[in-house]
Amino acid sequence: MVCSLMFACSSQPKPQIPLAPNVDLNKFMGDWYVIANIPTFIEKGAHNAMERYDKNDDGSIKTTFTFHDNSFGGDLKTYNPTGFVSEESNSLWGMQFIWPFKAEYIIAYVSDDYQTTIIARNARDYVWIMARTPGLDEDTYQRLVKLCVEMGYDPALIQTVPQRWYNTQ
C-alpha cells in the first residue's frame, strides 16, 4: 500500500502478466472448449462454452463464442468479437465486442502441443482456461489453475464450466 502525505492510499500495481512467447497463430486457430474461468457477466451460467478463432485476410481474428445459457438445454448464445493481434509474439490481442473499444486479451500460456491455453488480463478480473477437448484430467487442470494463481489470480474465483458433448458419429 502506498500512501501520500495527504493520506490518500493506493495499492501497488500488480506486475504485468507475462506473454506466452512466440504464439503460432496458425496452430492457435480453431476450436477451444472453455474448461474454467472467472466469468464475465455474459458468461455466468454458461454451459458447453466454446470459442473458435479463424484468421481474417486483413490479419484480424474472427472469433465465435458460443454457449448454452444456464443449462445444457438453455438458449444458444453466440457472440462474434474480433481479435486484433497487437504484439509481435502474437500473445497480446485487443478483443473488440463493440467498436471502438478493445478489451485486453493476453495469451499467457499455451502448451507446446497447442492443446491447452490460459487467456488472462492484467486487471486479474477475468481468466479462461481452455482446451482442445471438452475435459481435462485432474492433474492437468490443477497445473493450469496453479499457473493462474502464480499470475496473481484468486483460485476461489475460478469456476469450472459445465461441458457435456455427445458423439454424433
Protein backbone atom coordinates (compact mmCIF):
# COMPACT_ATOMS: atom_id res chain seq x y z
CA MET A 1 0.00 0.00 0.00
CA VAL A 2 1.38 3.43 -0.96
CA CYS A 3 0.13 6.49 0.93
CA SER A 4 0.88 10.14 0.22
CA LEU A 5 1.20 12.97 2.76
CA MET A 6 -2.47 13.74 2.13
CA PHE A 7 -3.34 10.24 3.39
CA ALA A 8 -4.56 9.06 0.01
CA CYS A 9 -3.64 5.42 -0.32
CA SER A 10 -3.42 3.23 -3.35
CA SER A 11 -2.38 -0.34 -3.92
CA GLN A 12 0.88 -1.09 -5.64
CA PRO A 13 0.17 -2.09 -9.22
CA LYS A 14 0.42 -5.80 -9.84
CA PRO A 15 3.18 -6.90 -12.17
CA GLN A 16 2.24 -7.34 -15.81
CA ILE A 17 1.18 -10.84 -16.76
CA PRO A 18 3.92 -12.32 -18.91
CA LEU A 19 3.04 -13.09 -22.51
CA ALA A 20 3.35 -16.59 -23.91
CA PRO A 21 6.43 -16.50 -26.15
CA ASN A 22 6.03 -16.81 -29.91
CA VAL A 23 2.44 -17.97 -30.34
CA ASP A 24 2.00 -19.61 -33.74
CA LEU A 25 -1.33 -18.16 -34.84
CA ASN A 26 -1.95 -20.93 -37.36
CA LYS A 27 -1.66 -23.53 -34.58
CA PHE A 28 -3.75 -21.42 -32.20
CA MET A 29 -6.68 -21.11 -34.62
CA GLY A 30 -9.64 -23.47 -34.32
CA ASP A 31 -11.92 -24.66 -31.55
CA TRP A 32 -11.23 -24.22 -27.83
CA TYR A 33 -13.52 -25.50 -25.07
CA VAL A 34 -13.77 -23.25 -22.02
CA ILE A 35 -12.87 -25.58 -19.15
CA ALA A 36 -12.87 -22.98 -16.36
CA ASN A 37 -12.98 -19.23 -15.96
CA ILE A 38 -13.65 -16.19 -13.88
CA PRO A 39 -16.68 -15.35 -15.98
CA THR A 40 -17.71 -12.05 -17.48
CA PHE A 41 -21.34 -11.03 -16.90
CA ILE A 42 -22.41 -12.60 -20.22
CA GLU A 43 -20.79 -15.95 -19.34
CA LYS A 44 -22.39 -16.52 -15.94
CA GLY A 45 -24.30 -19.79 -16.15
CA ALA A 46 -22.68 -20.79 -19.46
CA HIS A 47 -22.77 -24.49 -20.40
CA ASN A 48 -20.80 -26.04 -23.28
CA ALA A 49 -18.90 -22.79 -23.75
CA MET A 50 -16.65 -22.85 -26.77
CA GLU A 51 -14.52 -20.31 -28.59
CA ARG A 52 -13.42 -20.58 -32.22
CA TYR A 53 -10.71 -18.49 -33.86
CA ASP A 54 -10.15 -18.01 -37.58
CA LYS A 55 -7.71 -15.64 -39.26
CA ASN A 56 -9.23 -12.98 -41.49
CA ASP A 57 -7.47 -11.83 -44.66
CA ASP A 58 -6.63 -8.49 -43.00
CA GLY A 59 -4.78 -10.23 -40.13
CA SER A 60 -7.57 -9.79 -37.59
CA ILE A 61 -9.07 -12.80 -35.82
CA LYS A 62 -12.67 -13.78 -36.41
CA THR A 63 -13.95 -15.07 -33.09
CA THR A 64 -17.09 -17.09 -32.48
CA PHE A 65 -18.01 -17.62 -28.84
CA THR A 66 -20.98 -19.90 -28.19
CA PHE A 67 -22.62 -21.40 -25.12
CA HIS A 68 -25.96 -22.56 -23.78
CA ASP A 69 -27.46 -20.16 -21.23
CA ASN A 70 -27.92 -21.56 -17.70
CA SER A 71 -28.27 -25.24 -18.71
CA PHE A 72 -27.27 -27.71 -21.40
CA GLY A 73 -30.69 -27.19 -22.98
CA GLY A 74 -30.71 -23.43 -22.49
CA ASP A 75 -30.84 -20.86 -25.25
CA LEU A 76 -27.79 -20.93 -27.52
CA LYS A 77 -25.91 -17.65 -27.26
CA THR A 78 -23.40 -16.57 -29.90
CA TYR A 79 -21.01 -13.62 -29.80
CA ASN A 80 -18.65 -12.58 -32.59
CA PRO A 81 -15.95 -10.24 -31.33
CA THR A 82 -12.93 -9.51 -33.49
CA GLY A 83 -9.41 -10.03 -32.21
CA PHE A 84 -6.59 -7.70 -33.18
CA VAL A 85 -3.07 -9.02 -32.60
CA SER A 86 -1.05 -6.15 -31.18
CA GLU A 87 2.32 -7.61 -30.27
CA GLU A 88 4.97 -9.40 -32.32
CA SER A 89 4.89 -12.57 -30.20
CA ASN A 90 1.16 -12.84 -31.17
CA SER A 91 0.30 -13.12 -27.45
CA LEU A 92 -1.36 -9.77 -26.84
CA TRP A 93 -4.67 -9.07 -28.53
CA GLY A 94 -7.34 -6.44 -28.35
CA MET A 95 -10.74 -8.15 -28.38
CA GLN A 96 -13.41 -5.89 -29.81
CA PHE A 97 -17.04 -6.64 -28.96
CA ILE A 98 -18.24 -3.07 -29.57
CA TRP A 99 -16.47 -0.51 -31.74
CA PRO A 100 -14.23 1.31 -30.86
CA PHE A 101 -13.48 -0.43 -27.55
CA LYS A 102 -10.96 -3.28 -27.37
CA ALA A 103 -10.59 -5.41 -24.26
CA GLU A 104 -7.17 -6.69 -23.24
CA TYR A 105 -6.74 -10.36 -24.15
CA ILE A 106 -3.44 -11.96 -23.14
CA ILE A 107 -2.38 -15.42 -24.22
CA ALA A 108 -0.44 -16.01 -21.01
CA TYR A 109 0.18 -19.70 -21.59
CA VAL A 110 -0.19 -22.18 -24.43
CA SER A 111 1.12 -25.73 -24.22
CA ASP A 112 3.78 -26.82 -26.69
CA ASP A 113 1.25 -29.04 -28.47
CA TYR A 114 -1.40 -26.27 -28.55
CA GLN A 115 -3.86 -28.41 -26.58
CA THR A 116 -4.31 -26.11 -23.56
CA THR A 117 -4.17 -22.36 -23.06
CA ILE A 118 -4.75 -19.68 -20.46
CA ILE A 119 -6.16 -16.32 -21.51
CA ALA A 120 -5.63 -13.62 -18.90
CA ARG A 121 -5.92 -9.90 -18.20
CA ASN A 122 -3.60 -7.65 -16.22
CA ALA A 123 -6.57 -6.49 -14.14
CA ARG A 124 -6.96 -10.10 -12.94
CA ASP A 125 -10.72 -9.67 -13.29
CA TYR A 126 -11.26 -12.46 -15.81
CA VAL A 127 -9.37 -15.58 -16.84
CA TRP A 128 -10.11 -18.50 -19.15
CA ILE A 129 -8.61 -21.99 -19.04
CA MET A 130 -9.30 -23.62 -22.40
CA ALA A 131 -8.52 -26.91 -24.11
CA ARG A 132 -8.99 -28.60 -27.45
CA THR A 133 -11.13 -31.23 -25.74
CA PRO A 134 -14.20 -30.66 -23.53
CA GLY A 135 -12.45 -32.08 -20.48
CA LEU A 136 -9.05 -32.30 -18.84
CA ASP A 137 -7.55 -34.84 -16.48
CA GLU A 138 -7.36 -33.57 -12.91
CA ASP A 139 -3.56 -33.19 -12.86
CA THR A 140 -3.55 -31.01 -15.98
CA TYR A 141 -6.46 -28.94 -14.68
CA GLN A 142 -4.77 -28.37 -11.30
CA ARG A 143 -1.49 -27.44 -13.02
CA LEU A 144 -3.31 -24.80 -15.11
CA VAL A 145 -5.11 -23.41 -12.04
CA LYS A 146 -1.73 -23.22 -10.27
CA LEU A 147 -0.36 -21.20 -13.21
CA CYS A 148 -3.31 -18.81 -12.82
CA VAL A 149 -2.54 -18.44 -9.11
CA GLU A 150 1.11 -17.71 -9.95
CA MET A 151 -0.17 -14.93 -12.24
CA GLY A 152 -1.99 -13.37 -9.29
CA TYR A 153 -5.49 -14.82 -9.65
CA ASP A 154 -7.60 -15.88 -6.66
CA PRO A 155 -8.28 -19.62 -7.13
CA ALA A 156 -11.56 -19.31 -5.21
CA LEU A 157 -12.95 -17.21 -8.09
CA ILE A 158 -12.11 -19.73 -10.82
CA GLN A 159 -15.18 -21.77 -11.77
CA THR A 160 -15.42 -24.87 -13.91
CA VAL A 161 -17.66 -24.54 -16.95
CA PRO A 162 -20.06 -27.46 -17.41
CA GLN A 163 -19.23 -29.36 -20.60
CA ARG A 164 -21.30 -32.29 -21.89
CA TRP A 165 -20.93 -33.31 -25.51
CA TYR A 166 -22.31 -36.36 -27.23
CA ASN A 167 -20.57 -38.22 -30.01
CA THR A 168 -22.83 -37.91 -33.03
CA GLN A 169 -20.77 -40.10 -35.34
